[in-house]
Amino acid sequence: MVSQDLLDILRCPHCVRNGPQAGLLTLVKGTWLVCQDCQRKYPIRDDIPVMLIEEGDKWVQTAEENLPVPPPG
């Protein structure tokens, strides 16, 4: 499980360049981080968030309810 302290400081790498409050992430299904601004979705694998823009791009069009658990990879 990803600690709350880490979740509090993580930001979407695509959106964070727009300011320190941009790119806030929401934990979804316990295994995904979803950007509140751009809707990119970053998987959490082996308790490690995969915060690569390319990874978030793969899931941007997938609805939250359709995200696979556990994330493939």
N, C-alpha and C. Protein backbone atom coordinates (compact mmCIF):
# COMPACT_ATOMS: atom_id res chain seq x y z
N MET A 1 0.84 -1.19 0.00
CA MET A 1 0.00 0.00 0.00
C MET A 1 0.88 1.24 0.00
N VAL A 2 0.51 2.23 -0.78
CA VAL A 2 1.24 3.49 -0.86
C VAL A 2 0.85 4.35 0.34
N SER A 3 1.85 4.92 1.01
CA SER A 3 1.58 5.70 2.22
C SER A 3 0.86 7.00 1.88
N GLN A 4 0.08 7.49 2.82
CA GLN A 4 -0.64 8.75 2.64
C GLN A 4 0.33 9.91 2.49
N ASP A 5 1.47 9.85 3.17
CA ASP A 5 2.48 10.91 3.04
C ASP A 5 2.96 11.02 1.59
N LEU A 6 3.19 9.88 0.95
CA LEU A 6 3.62 9.89 -0.45
C LEU A 6 2.50 10.40 -1.35
N LEU A 7 1.28 9.96 -1.10
CA LEU A 7 0.15 10.41 -1.91
C LEU A 7 -0.04 11.92 -1.80
N ASP A 8 0.27 12.48 -0.64
CA ASP A 8 0.11 13.92 -0.44
C ASP A 8 1.08 14.75 -1.26
N ILE A 9 2.24 14.19 -1.59
CA ILE A 9 3.23 14.98 -2.34
C ILE A 9 3.30 14.64 -3.82
N LEU A 10 2.81 13.46 -4.20
CA LEU A 10 2.85 13.08 -5.62
C LEU A 10 1.95 13.98 -6.46
N ARG A 11 2.39 14.30 -7.67
CA ARG A 11 1.60 15.07 -8.62
C ARG A 11 1.77 14.43 -10.00
N CYS A 12 0.81 14.63 -10.85
CA CYS A 12 0.89 14.15 -12.23
C CYS A 12 2.09 14.82 -12.91
N PRO A 13 3.02 14.05 -13.46
CA PRO A 13 4.19 14.65 -14.10
C PRO A 13 3.84 15.48 -15.33
N HIS A 14 2.70 15.23 -15.93
CA HIS A 14 2.28 16.01 -17.10
C HIS A 14 1.76 17.39 -16.68
N CYS A 15 1.06 17.46 -15.57
CA CYS A 15 0.38 18.69 -15.16
C CYS A 15 1.15 19.55 -14.17
N VAL A 16 2.12 18.98 -13.47
CA VAL A 16 2.80 19.70 -12.40
C VAL A 16 3.53 20.95 -12.91
N ARG A 17 3.88 20.99 -14.16
CA ARG A 17 4.56 22.17 -14.72
C ARG A 17 3.65 23.39 -14.75
N ASN A 18 2.35 23.18 -14.54
CA ASN A 18 1.38 24.28 -14.51
C ASN A 18 1.27 24.94 -13.14
N GLY A 19 2.01 24.45 -12.18
CA GLY A 19 2.00 25.05 -10.85
C GLY A 19 1.99 23.99 -9.78
N PRO A 20 2.33 24.36 -8.55
CA PRO A 20 2.45 23.37 -7.47
C PRO A 20 1.14 22.71 -7.07
N GLN A 21 0.01 23.32 -7.34
CA GLN A 21 -1.28 22.71 -6.99
C GLN A 21 -1.91 21.97 -8.17
N ALA A 22 -1.26 22.01 -9.32
CA ALA A 22 -1.77 21.30 -10.50
C ALA A 22 -1.40 19.82 -10.40
N GLY A 23 -2.20 18.98 -11.01
CA GLY A 23 -1.89 17.57 -11.09
C GLY A 23 -2.16 16.78 -9.82
N LEU A 24 -3.11 17.23 -9.02
CA LEU A 24 -3.46 16.46 -7.82
C LEU A 24 -3.98 15.09 -8.22
N LEU A 25 -3.61 14.09 -7.44
CA LEU A 25 -3.96 12.71 -7.76
C LEU A 25 -4.94 12.14 -6.75
N THR A 26 -5.82 11.28 -7.25
CA THR A 26 -6.79 10.59 -6.42
C THR A 26 -6.51 9.10 -6.51
N LEU A 27 -6.50 8.42 -5.38
CA LEU A 27 -6.33 6.97 -5.36
C LEU A 27 -7.65 6.31 -5.73
N VAL A 28 -7.61 5.44 -6.74
CA VAL A 28 -8.81 4.76 -7.24
C VAL A 28 -8.55 3.25 -7.20
N LYS A 29 -9.49 2.53 -6.64
CA LYS A 29 -9.43 1.07 -6.56
C LYS A 29 -8.18 0.56 -5.83
N GLY A 30 -7.50 1.43 -5.11
CA GLY A 30 -6.32 1.04 -4.36
C GLY A 30 -5.10 0.74 -5.20
N THR A 31 -5.24 0.80 -6.53
CA THR A 31 -4.11 0.44 -7.40
C THR A 31 -3.89 1.42 -8.55
N TRP A 32 -4.58 2.54 -8.53
CA TRP A 32 -4.44 3.55 -9.59
C TRP A 32 -4.40 4.94 -8.99
N LEU A 33 -3.60 5.83 -9.59
CA LEU A 33 -3.59 7.24 -9.25
C LEU A 33 -4.14 7.98 -10.46
N VAL A 34 -5.20 8.73 -10.26
CA VAL A 34 -5.88 9.43 -11.35
C VAL A 34 -5.69 10.93 -11.16
N CYS A 35 -5.20 11.60 -12.20
CA CYS A 35 -5.00 13.04 -12.16
C CYS A 35 -6.35 13.75 -12.24
N GLN A 36 -6.57 14.67 -11.32
CA GLN A 36 -7.83 15.41 -11.30
C GLN A 36 -7.92 16.43 -12.44
N ASP A 37 -6.77 16.79 -13.04
CA ASP A 37 -6.77 17.77 -14.11
C ASP A 37 -6.88 17.15 -15.51
N CYS A 38 -6.01 16.21 -15.82
CA CYS A 38 -5.95 15.68 -17.19
C CYS A 38 -6.54 14.29 -17.35
N GLN A 39 -6.89 13.65 -16.24
CA GLN A 39 -7.48 12.31 -16.22
C GLN A 39 -6.52 11.20 -16.65
N ARG A 40 -5.21 11.48 -16.68
CA ARG A 40 -4.26 10.40 -16.89
C ARG A 40 -4.32 9.48 -15.67
N LYS A 41 -4.08 8.19 -15.91
CA LYS A 41 -4.19 7.20 -14.85
C LYS A 41 -2.87 6.45 -14.77
N TYR A 42 -2.29 6.47 -13.56
CA TYR A 42 -1.00 5.85 -13.32
C TYR A 42 -1.17 4.62 -12.44
N PRO A 43 -0.69 3.46 -12.90
CA PRO A 43 -0.85 2.24 -12.10
C PRO A 43 0.11 2.21 -10.92
N ILE A 44 -0.29 1.47 -9.91
CA ILE A 44 0.58 1.19 -8.77
C ILE A 44 0.88 -0.30 -8.84
N ARG A 45 2.16 -0.62 -9.05
CA ARG A 45 2.57 -2.02 -9.17
C ARG A 45 3.55 -2.35 -8.04
N ASP A 46 3.30 -3.41 -7.32
CA ASP A 46 4.15 -3.80 -6.20
C ASP A 46 4.36 -2.64 -5.24
N ASP A 47 3.28 -1.90 -4.97
CA ASP A 47 3.28 -0.75 -4.05
C ASP A 47 4.13 0.42 -4.53
N ILE A 48 4.46 0.45 -5.83
CA ILE A 48 5.26 1.54 -6.41
C ILE A 48 4.45 2.22 -7.50
N PRO A 49 4.14 3.52 -7.34
CA PRO A 49 3.44 4.25 -8.40
C PRO A 49 4.33 4.39 -9.64
N VAL A 50 3.79 4.05 -10.79
CA VAL A 50 4.52 4.18 -12.05
C VAL A 50 4.14 5.53 -12.64
N MET A 51 4.94 6.55 -12.33
CA MET A 51 4.62 7.94 -12.66
C MET A 51 5.28 8.40 -13.96
N LEU A 52 5.14 7.61 -15.00
CA LEU A 52 5.66 7.98 -16.32
C LEU A 52 4.50 8.51 -17.16
N ILE A 53 4.72 9.64 -17.81
CA ILE A 53 3.66 10.22 -18.64
C ILE A 53 3.16 9.22 -19.67
N GLU A 54 4.09 8.48 -20.26
CA GLU A 54 3.72 7.49 -21.28
C GLU A 54 2.78 6.43 -20.70
N GLU A 55 2.99 6.07 -19.45
CA GLU A 55 2.10 5.09 -18.80
C GLU A 55 0.72 5.70 -18.57
N GLY A 56 0.68 6.95 -18.11
CA GLY A 56 -0.60 7.63 -17.92
C GLY A 56 -1.36 7.81 -19.21
N ASP A 57 -0.63 8.04 -20.30
CA ASP A 57 -1.25 8.21 -21.62
C ASP A 57 -2.00 6.96 -22.06
N LYS A 58 -1.50 5.79 -21.70
CA LYS A 58 -2.13 4.52 -22.11
C LYS A 58 -3.55 4.39 -21.58
N TRP A 59 -3.83 5.02 -20.44
CA TRP A 59 -5.09 4.81 -19.74
C TRP A 59 -5.99 6.03 -19.71
N VAL A 60 -5.59 7.12 -20.36
CA VAL A 60 -6.35 8.37 -20.26
C VAL A 60 -7.79 8.23 -20.77
N GLN A 61 -8.02 7.38 -21.73
CA GLN A 61 -9.37 7.21 -22.30
C GLN A 61 -10.19 6.13 -21.58
N THR A 62 -9.59 5.45 -20.61
CA THR A 62 -10.29 4.39 -19.89
C THR A 62 -11.04 4.98 -18.70
N ALA A 63 -12.31 4.68 -18.59
CA ALA A 63 -13.12 5.16 -17.46
C ALA A 63 -12.61 4.50 -16.18
N GLU A 64 -12.70 5.22 -15.08
CA GLU A 64 -12.22 4.71 -13.80
C GLU A 64 -12.83 3.35 -13.46
N GLU A 65 -14.11 3.20 -13.72
CA GLU A 65 -14.76 1.93 -13.38
C GLU A 65 -14.28 0.76 -14.24
N ASN A 66 -13.60 1.05 -15.36
CA ASN A 66 -13.10 0.00 -16.24
C ASN A 66 -11.60 -0.29 -16.05
N LEU A 67 -10.95 0.37 -15.10
CA LEU A 67 -9.54 0.13 -14.86
C LEU A 67 -9.36 -1.27 -14.28
N PRO A 68 -8.42 -2.04 -14.83
CA PRO A 68 -8.22 -3.41 -14.34
C PRO A 68 -7.50 -3.43 -12.99
N VAL A 69 -7.90 -4.37 -12.15
CA VAL A 69 -7.26 -4.59 -10.86
C VAL A 69 -6.85 -6.05 -10.79
N PRO A 70 -5.59 -6.34 -10.60
CA PRO A 70 -4.47 -5.40 -10.51
C PRO A 70 -4.12 -4.86 -11.90
N PRO A 71 -3.37 -3.74 -11.93
CA PRO A 71 -2.96 -3.19 -13.22
C PRO A 71 -2.07 -4.19 -13.97
N PRO A 72 -2.24 -4.29 -15.27
CA PRO A 72 -1.38 -5.19 -16.06
C PRO A 72 0.04 -4.65 -16.09
N GLY A 73 0.96 -5.54 -16.32
CA GLY A 73 2.28 -5.02 -16.50
C GLY A 73 3.36 -5.90 -16.12
